[in-house]
Amino acid sequence: MRGSATSWRNSRRSGNGMYAISLGDDGAQLRPLEPWHAEEFLAHLDRGREFITRHIPFGANATDADSARALLHAYADKHAAGTGFLHGLWLDGVLVGGLLFRIFDTATGMCEIGCWLEPAGTGRGLVTRGARVLIDWAFDERGMHRVEWH
């Protein structure tokens, strides 16, 4: 589905510059995951930690609010530098997973995308829908020409 970058541009924005991109009519949204989400992020990781860490180490070191905030701050810094981006996947207002550009290199036109979900978010196509939006944005708006997924 090309045209997701249009969805990005037309996304709902609040007064503080935040946006939420609807991923369908099932209450799924893609939103930036930022340091002020630390407690919500930690609660999400705690709900799905065993499941998530079986597949990837992401978030394994976020074991309290300070370490969760530090992880989110690291990605906020990457976002500010244009070298990485972190987004949460919300379902009916509950954070259930996320997508990230772990590497985002505009000089080479290459980026690496990753994802994670807690069990409540699986089997709904959230990663597929969210990744489509982010990859379209990377290609259409930022000039990427290669996306890797490891």
N, C-alpha and C. Protein backbone atom coordinates (compact mmCIF):
# COMPACT_ATOMS: atom_id res chain seq x y z
N MET A 1 0.85 -1.18 0.00
CA MET A 1 0.00 0.00 0.00
C MET A 1 0.89 1.23 0.00
N ARG A 2 1.19 1.72 -1.15
CA ARG A 2 1.93 2.97 -1.23
C ARG A 2 0.99 4.09 -0.80
N GLY A 3 1.56 5.20 -0.46
CA GLY A 3 0.72 6.32 -0.05
C GLY A 3 0.63 6.47 1.45
N SER A 4 1.33 5.61 2.19
CA SER A 4 1.30 5.74 3.63
C SER A 4 2.00 7.01 4.09
N ALA A 5 2.91 7.50 3.28
CA ALA A 5 3.55 8.78 3.63
C ALA A 5 2.50 9.88 3.64
N THR A 6 1.49 9.75 2.78
CA THR A 6 0.37 10.69 2.82
C THR A 6 -0.34 10.57 4.15
N SER A 7 -0.53 9.35 4.63
CA SER A 7 -1.13 9.14 5.94
C SER A 7 -0.30 9.85 7.00
N TRP A 8 1.00 9.76 6.87
CA TRP A 8 1.91 10.42 7.81
C TRP A 8 1.66 11.92 7.81
N ARG A 9 1.62 12.51 6.61
CA ARG A 9 1.43 13.96 6.51
C ARG A 9 0.05 14.38 7.00
N ASN A 10 -0.94 13.52 6.84
CA ASN A 10 -2.31 13.87 7.22
C ASN A 10 -2.67 13.37 8.61
N SER A 11 -1.70 12.88 9.36
CA SER A 11 -1.98 12.33 10.68
C SER A 11 -2.48 13.42 11.63
N ARG A 12 -3.19 12.96 12.64
CA ARG A 12 -3.73 13.88 13.64
C ARG A 12 -2.58 14.41 14.50
N ARG A 13 -2.50 15.72 14.61
CA ARG A 13 -1.46 16.35 15.43
C ARG A 13 -2.10 17.08 16.58
N SER A 14 -1.43 17.04 17.71
CA SER A 14 -1.90 17.81 18.85
C SER A 14 -1.08 19.09 18.94
N GLY A 15 -1.40 19.93 19.87
CA GLY A 15 -0.73 21.21 20.01
C GLY A 15 0.75 21.11 20.30
N ASN A 16 1.22 20.00 20.87
CA ASN A 16 2.63 19.88 21.20
C ASN A 16 3.44 19.22 20.09
N GLY A 17 2.86 19.10 18.89
CA GLY A 17 3.59 18.54 17.76
C GLY A 17 3.50 17.03 17.67
N MET A 18 2.84 16.40 18.61
CA MET A 18 2.71 14.95 18.59
C MET A 18 1.72 14.55 17.51
N TYR A 19 1.82 13.32 17.06
CA TYR A 19 0.89 12.81 16.07
C TYR A 19 0.53 11.38 16.42
N ALA A 20 -0.60 10.98 15.90
CA ALA A 20 -1.06 9.59 16.01
C ALA A 20 -1.56 9.20 14.64
N ILE A 21 -1.04 8.10 14.11
CA ILE A 21 -1.44 7.62 12.80
C ILE A 21 -2.35 6.42 13.00
N SER A 22 -3.57 6.52 12.52
CA SER A 22 -4.50 5.40 12.59
C SER A 22 -4.02 4.29 11.67
N LEU A 23 -4.06 3.07 12.17
CA LEU A 23 -3.65 1.91 11.37
C LEU A 23 -4.86 1.09 10.94
N GLY A 24 -6.03 1.64 11.05
CA GLY A 24 -7.25 0.94 10.64
C GLY A 24 -8.40 1.29 11.54
N ASP A 25 -9.47 0.55 11.42
CA ASP A 25 -10.67 0.86 12.20
C ASP A 25 -10.80 0.00 13.45
N ASP A 26 -9.70 -0.61 13.87
CA ASP A 26 -9.72 -1.47 15.06
C ASP A 26 -9.12 -0.81 16.29
N GLY A 27 -8.91 0.50 16.25
CA GLY A 27 -8.34 1.21 17.39
C GLY A 27 -6.83 1.19 17.45
N ALA A 28 -6.17 0.70 16.39
CA ALA A 28 -4.71 0.63 16.37
C ALA A 28 -4.13 1.96 15.90
N GLN A 29 -3.08 2.41 16.60
CA GLN A 29 -2.39 3.65 16.25
C GLN A 29 -0.88 3.47 16.36
N LEU A 30 -0.19 4.22 15.52
CA LEU A 30 1.26 4.34 15.56
C LEU A 30 1.56 5.74 16.06
N ARG A 31 2.35 5.84 17.14
CA ARG A 31 2.69 7.15 17.72
C ARG A 31 4.15 7.14 18.15
N PRO A 32 4.77 8.32 18.23
CA PRO A 32 6.12 8.38 18.78
C PRO A 32 6.12 7.85 20.21
N LEU A 33 7.17 7.16 20.56
CA LEU A 33 7.36 6.65 21.92
C LEU A 33 8.49 7.47 22.52
N GLU A 34 8.16 8.30 23.51
CA GLU A 34 9.10 9.30 24.00
C GLU A 34 9.35 9.15 25.50
N PRO A 35 10.37 9.84 26.03
CA PRO A 35 10.73 9.67 27.44
C PRO A 35 9.57 9.85 28.41
N TRP A 36 8.62 10.71 28.12
CA TRP A 36 7.51 10.91 29.05
C TRP A 36 6.56 9.71 29.07
N HIS A 37 6.77 8.73 28.17
CA HIS A 37 6.00 7.49 28.19
C HIS A 37 6.67 6.41 29.05
N ALA A 38 7.69 6.75 29.81
CA ALA A 38 8.51 5.74 30.50
C ALA A 38 7.70 4.78 31.35
N GLU A 39 6.77 5.28 32.15
CA GLU A 39 6.01 4.39 33.03
C GLU A 39 5.10 3.47 32.22
N GLU A 40 4.47 4.02 31.19
CA GLU A 40 3.61 3.20 30.32
C GLU A 40 4.44 2.16 29.56
N PHE A 41 5.62 2.58 29.10
CA PHE A 41 6.53 1.69 28.39
C PHE A 41 6.99 0.56 29.32
N LEU A 42 7.34 0.89 30.54
CA LEU A 42 7.77 -0.12 31.50
C LEU A 42 6.64 -1.10 31.81
N ALA A 43 5.44 -0.60 32.01
CA ALA A 43 4.29 -1.49 32.27
C ALA A 43 4.07 -2.43 31.09
N HIS A 44 4.19 -1.91 29.89
CA HIS A 44 4.07 -2.74 28.68
C HIS A 44 5.15 -3.82 28.66
N LEU A 45 6.40 -3.42 28.89
CA LEU A 45 7.49 -4.40 28.89
C LEU A 45 7.28 -5.45 29.97
N ASP A 46 6.84 -5.02 31.14
CA ASP A 46 6.60 -5.98 32.22
C ASP A 46 5.52 -6.99 31.85
N ARG A 47 4.47 -6.53 31.17
CA ARG A 47 3.41 -7.45 30.74
C ARG A 47 3.94 -8.48 29.75
N GLY A 48 4.85 -8.07 28.88
CA GLY A 48 5.30 -8.96 27.82
C GLY A 48 6.75 -9.36 27.87
N ARG A 49 7.43 -9.06 28.98
CA ARG A 49 8.89 -9.25 29.04
C ARG A 49 9.34 -10.66 28.64
N GLU A 50 8.72 -11.68 29.20
CA GLU A 50 9.15 -13.05 28.90
C GLU A 50 8.99 -13.34 27.41
N PHE A 51 7.88 -12.96 26.84
CA PHE A 51 7.60 -13.18 25.42
C PHE A 51 8.55 -12.36 24.54
N ILE A 52 8.70 -11.09 24.86
CA ILE A 52 9.52 -10.19 24.04
C ILE A 52 10.98 -10.62 24.05
N THR A 53 11.53 -10.91 25.23
CA THR A 53 12.96 -11.23 25.32
C THR A 53 13.28 -12.62 24.77
N ARG A 54 12.28 -13.46 24.56
CA ARG A 54 12.52 -14.73 23.88
C ARG A 54 12.92 -14.49 22.44
N HIS A 55 12.46 -13.39 21.87
CA HIS A 55 12.67 -13.11 20.45
C HIS A 55 13.76 -12.08 20.20
N ILE A 56 13.80 -11.03 21.02
CA ILE A 56 14.80 -9.97 20.85
C ILE A 56 15.18 -9.43 22.22
N PRO A 57 16.39 -8.86 22.34
CA PRO A 57 16.80 -8.33 23.64
C PRO A 57 16.26 -6.93 23.93
N PHE A 58 15.52 -6.34 22.98
CA PHE A 58 15.05 -4.96 23.15
C PHE A 58 14.30 -4.80 24.46
N GLY A 59 14.69 -3.82 25.22
CA GLY A 59 13.99 -3.52 26.46
C GLY A 59 14.39 -4.36 27.65
N ALA A 60 15.29 -5.33 27.47
CA ALA A 60 15.67 -6.21 28.58
C ALA A 60 16.29 -5.43 29.73
N ASN A 61 16.97 -4.34 29.42
CA ASN A 61 17.61 -3.54 30.47
C ASN A 61 16.70 -2.49 31.08
N ALA A 62 15.49 -2.35 30.56
CA ALA A 62 14.53 -1.40 31.11
C ALA A 62 13.73 -2.13 32.19
N THR A 63 14.22 -2.04 33.42
CA THR A 63 13.62 -2.80 34.52
C THR A 63 12.97 -1.91 35.58
N ASP A 64 13.14 -0.60 35.45
CA ASP A 64 12.49 0.35 36.35
C ASP A 64 12.25 1.63 35.55
N ALA A 65 11.56 2.59 36.15
CA ALA A 65 11.19 3.80 35.41
C ALA A 65 12.41 4.56 34.90
N ASP A 66 13.48 4.62 35.69
CA ASP A 66 14.67 5.35 35.26
C ASP A 66 15.34 4.70 34.06
N SER A 67 15.48 3.37 34.08
CA SER A 67 16.12 2.69 32.95
C SER A 67 15.22 2.71 31.72
N ALA A 68 13.90 2.65 31.91
CA ALA A 68 12.97 2.78 30.77
C ALA A 68 13.10 4.17 30.16
N ARG A 69 13.15 5.18 31.01
CA ARG A 69 13.28 6.56 30.54
C ARG A 69 14.62 6.74 29.81
N ALA A 70 15.68 6.13 30.32
CA ALA A 70 16.99 6.25 29.67
C ALA A 70 16.97 5.64 28.27
N LEU A 71 16.32 4.49 28.12
CA LEU A 71 16.22 3.86 26.80
C LEU A 71 15.44 4.77 25.85
N LEU A 72 14.33 5.30 26.33
CA LEU A 72 13.52 6.19 25.50
C LEU A 72 14.26 7.49 25.19
N HIS A 73 15.04 7.96 26.14
CA HIS A 73 15.85 9.17 25.92
C HIS A 73 16.91 8.93 24.85
N ALA A 74 17.52 7.76 24.85
CA ALA A 74 18.52 7.44 23.84
C ALA A 74 17.91 7.53 22.44
N TYR A 75 16.68 7.04 22.30
CA TYR A 75 16.02 7.13 20.99
C TYR A 75 15.54 8.55 20.70
N ALA A 76 15.18 9.32 21.70
CA ALA A 76 14.84 10.73 21.48
C ALA A 76 16.06 11.47 20.94
N ASP A 77 17.24 11.14 21.48
CA ASP A 77 18.47 11.75 20.99
C ASP A 77 18.75 11.34 19.55
N LYS A 78 18.53 10.04 19.24
CA LYS A 78 18.71 9.57 17.86
C LYS A 78 17.72 10.27 16.92
N HIS A 79 16.49 10.45 17.40
CA HIS A 79 15.49 11.14 16.59
C HIS A 79 15.94 12.57 16.30
N ALA A 80 16.42 13.27 17.33
CA ALA A 80 16.88 14.65 17.16
C ALA A 80 18.03 14.73 16.16
N ALA A 81 18.88 13.71 16.14
CA ALA A 81 20.01 13.67 15.22
C ALA A 81 19.62 13.13 13.84
N GLY A 82 18.41 12.59 13.73
CA GLY A 82 17.96 12.01 12.47
C GLY A 82 18.56 10.66 12.18
N THR A 83 19.03 9.96 13.22
CA THR A 83 19.71 8.67 13.01
C THR A 83 18.94 7.47 13.55
N GLY A 84 17.77 7.68 14.10
CA GLY A 84 16.95 6.59 14.61
C GLY A 84 15.61 7.12 15.08
N PHE A 85 14.61 6.26 15.05
CA PHE A 85 13.26 6.68 15.41
C PHE A 85 12.57 5.54 16.13
N LEU A 86 11.76 5.87 17.14
CA LEU A 86 11.07 4.88 17.95
C LEU A 86 9.59 5.23 18.00
N HIS A 87 8.75 4.27 17.64
CA HIS A 87 7.30 4.46 17.65
C HIS A 87 6.64 3.33 18.41
N GLY A 88 5.59 3.67 19.12
CA GLY A 88 4.79 2.67 19.82
C GLY A 88 3.59 2.28 19.00
N LEU A 89 3.12 1.07 19.24
CA LEU A 89 1.88 0.58 18.66
C LEU A 89 0.86 0.50 19.79
N TRP A 90 -0.19 1.28 19.66
CA TRP A 90 -1.25 1.30 20.67
C TRP A 90 -2.48 0.62 20.10
N LEU A 91 -3.16 -0.14 20.91
CA LEU A 91 -4.41 -0.79 20.53
C LEU A 91 -5.44 -0.40 21.57
N ASP A 92 -6.46 0.32 21.14
CA ASP A 92 -7.50 0.83 22.06
C ASP A 92 -6.89 1.59 23.23
N GLY A 93 -5.87 2.40 22.95
CA GLY A 93 -5.25 3.25 23.96
C GLY A 93 -4.22 2.58 24.85
N VAL A 94 -3.92 1.31 24.59
CA VAL A 94 -2.94 0.56 25.40
C VAL A 94 -1.72 0.26 24.54
N LEU A 95 -0.53 0.62 25.05
CA LEU A 95 0.72 0.31 24.36
C LEU A 95 0.93 -1.20 24.35
N VAL A 96 1.03 -1.80 23.14
CA VAL A 96 1.18 -3.25 23.03
C VAL A 96 2.43 -3.65 22.25
N GLY A 97 3.20 -2.68 21.75
CA GLY A 97 4.39 -3.02 20.99
C GLY A 97 5.01 -1.78 20.38
N GLY A 98 5.92 -2.01 19.45
CA GLY A 98 6.56 -0.87 18.82
C GLY A 98 7.36 -1.24 17.59
N LEU A 99 7.75 -0.21 16.89
CA LEU A 99 8.60 -0.30 15.72
C LEU A 99 9.69 0.74 15.86
N LEU A 100 10.85 0.44 15.34
CA LEU A 100 11.94 1.40 15.43
C LEU A 100 12.81 1.32 14.21
N PHE A 101 13.40 2.45 13.89
CA PHE A 101 14.52 2.47 12.96
C PHE A 101 15.74 2.50 13.86
N ARG A 102 16.38 1.35 14.02
CA ARG A 102 17.57 1.24 14.86
C ARG A 102 18.73 1.99 14.23
N ILE A 103 18.81 1.90 12.91
CA ILE A 103 19.82 2.61 12.12
C ILE A 103 19.06 3.38 11.05
N PHE A 104 19.44 4.63 10.84
CA PHE A 104 18.82 5.45 9.80
C PHE A 104 19.91 6.33 9.23
N ASP A 105 20.48 5.92 8.10
CA ASP A 105 21.65 6.58 7.52
C ASP A 105 21.27 7.23 6.19
N THR A 106 20.99 8.52 6.23
CA THR A 106 20.58 9.21 5.00
C THR A 106 21.72 9.32 3.99
N ALA A 107 22.96 9.29 4.46
CA ALA A 107 24.10 9.39 3.54
C ALA A 107 24.17 8.17 2.61
N THR A 108 23.87 7.00 3.15
CA THR A 108 23.91 5.78 2.34
C THR A 108 22.53 5.37 1.83
N GLY A 109 21.49 6.00 2.37
CA GLY A 109 20.13 5.64 1.98
C GLY A 109 19.67 4.31 2.55
N MET A 110 20.30 3.87 3.65
CA MET A 110 19.99 2.58 4.26
C MET A 110 19.49 2.77 5.68
N CYS A 111 18.50 1.97 6.05
CA CYS A 111 18.01 1.98 7.42
C CYS A 111 17.70 0.55 7.84
N GLU A 112 17.64 0.34 9.14
CA GLU A 112 17.29 -0.97 9.69
C GLU A 112 16.07 -0.80 10.58
N ILE A 113 15.05 -1.57 10.30
CA ILE A 113 13.81 -1.50 11.07
C ILE A 113 13.72 -2.72 11.99
N GLY A 114 13.08 -2.54 13.11
CA GLY A 114 12.85 -3.64 14.04
C GLY A 114 11.49 -3.49 14.68
N CYS A 115 11.08 -4.51 15.39
CA CYS A 115 9.75 -4.48 16.01
C CYS A 115 9.72 -5.37 17.24
N TRP A 116 8.70 -5.19 18.04
CA TRP A 116 8.41 -6.08 19.16
C TRP A 116 6.94 -5.94 19.50
N LEU A 117 6.37 -6.97 20.07
CA LEU A 117 4.98 -6.96 20.54
C LEU A 117 4.88 -7.75 21.82
N GLU A 118 3.96 -7.35 22.68
CA GLU A 118 3.58 -8.21 23.79
C GLU A 118 2.49 -9.15 23.25
N PRO A 119 2.20 -10.25 23.93
CA PRO A 119 1.23 -11.21 23.40
C PRO A 119 -0.12 -10.60 23.02
N ALA A 120 -0.60 -9.60 23.74
CA ALA A 120 -1.91 -8.99 23.45
C ALA A 120 -1.94 -8.32 22.08
N GLY A 121 -0.78 -8.03 21.51
CA GLY A 121 -0.74 -7.36 20.21
C GLY A 121 -0.49 -8.28 19.04
N THR A 122 -0.26 -9.55 19.28
CA THR A 122 0.08 -10.46 18.19
C THR A 122 -1.16 -10.89 17.40
N GLY A 123 -0.91 -11.30 16.17
CA GLY A 123 -1.97 -11.86 15.33
C GLY A 123 -2.96 -10.85 14.79
N ARG A 124 -2.64 -9.58 14.85
CA ARG A 124 -3.57 -8.52 14.41
C ARG A 124 -3.03 -7.72 13.22
N GLY A 125 -1.83 -8.05 12.76
CA GLY A 125 -1.25 -7.31 11.65
C GLY A 125 -0.71 -5.94 12.02
N LEU A 126 -0.50 -5.69 13.31
CA LEU A 126 -0.04 -4.37 13.75
C LEU A 126 1.34 -4.04 13.20
N VAL A 127 2.25 -4.99 13.27
CA VAL A 127 3.61 -4.74 12.78
C VAL A 127 3.58 -4.50 11.27
N THR A 128 2.84 -5.30 10.54
CA THR A 128 2.75 -5.12 9.09
C THR A 128 2.22 -3.74 8.74
N ARG A 129 1.14 -3.35 9.38
CA ARG A 129 0.53 -2.05 9.08
C ARG A 129 1.44 -0.89 9.48
N GLY A 130 2.02 -0.98 10.68
CA GLY A 130 2.91 0.09 11.15
C GLY A 130 4.18 0.18 10.33
N ALA A 131 4.77 -0.96 10.01
CA ALA A 131 6.01 -0.97 9.22
C ALA A 131 5.75 -0.39 7.84
N ARG A 132 4.61 -0.68 7.27
CA ARG A 132 4.27 -0.13 5.95
C ARG A 132 4.30 1.40 5.99
N VAL A 133 3.71 1.98 7.01
CA VAL A 133 3.69 3.45 7.14
C VAL A 133 5.11 3.98 7.29
N LEU A 134 5.91 3.37 8.18
CA LEU A 134 7.26 3.88 8.42
C LEU A 134 8.17 3.69 7.21
N ILE A 135 8.08 2.55 6.55
CA ILE A 135 8.93 2.31 5.38
C ILE A 135 8.55 3.25 4.24
N ASP A 136 7.25 3.43 4.01
CA ASP A 136 6.83 4.39 2.98
C ASP A 136 7.36 5.79 3.29
N TRP A 137 7.28 6.19 4.56
CA TRP A 137 7.80 7.50 4.96
C TRP A 137 9.30 7.58 4.69
N ALA A 138 10.05 6.53 5.07
CA ALA A 138 11.50 6.53 4.88
C ALA A 138 11.86 6.66 3.40
N PHE A 139 11.14 5.97 2.54
CA PHE A 139 11.42 6.03 1.11
C PHE A 139 10.92 7.34 0.50
N ASP A 140 9.67 7.68 0.76
CA ASP A 140 9.04 8.82 0.08
C ASP A 140 9.48 10.18 0.63
N GLU A 141 9.71 10.26 1.92
CA GLU A 141 10.01 11.56 2.54
C GLU A 141 11.48 11.76 2.87
N ARG A 142 12.20 10.67 3.13
CA ARG A 142 13.59 10.80 3.58
C ARG A 142 14.61 10.25 2.59
N GLY A 143 14.17 9.73 1.46
CA GLY A 143 15.08 9.31 0.41
C GLY A 143 15.79 7.98 0.64
N MET A 144 15.31 7.18 1.56
CA MET A 144 15.92 5.86 1.75
C MET A 144 15.66 4.99 0.52
N HIS A 145 16.57 4.06 0.24
CA HIS A 145 16.35 3.12 -0.85
C HIS A 145 16.62 1.68 -0.44
N ARG A 146 16.98 1.47 0.83
CA ARG A 146 17.21 0.11 1.31
C ARG A 146 16.80 0.03 2.78
N VAL A 147 15.98 -0.96 3.08
CA VAL A 147 15.57 -1.24 4.46
C VAL A 147 16.01 -2.65 4.79
N GLU A 148 16.69 -2.81 5.91
CA GLU A 148 17.09 -4.13 6.38
C GLU A 148 16.28 -4.49 7.61
N TRP A 149 16.06 -5.78 7.77
CA TRP A 149 15.32 -6.31 8.92
C TRP A 149 16.06 -7.56 9.34
N HIS A 150 16.63 -7.55 10.54
CA HIS A 150 17.41 -8.72 11.00
C HIS A 150 16.68 -9.47 12.06
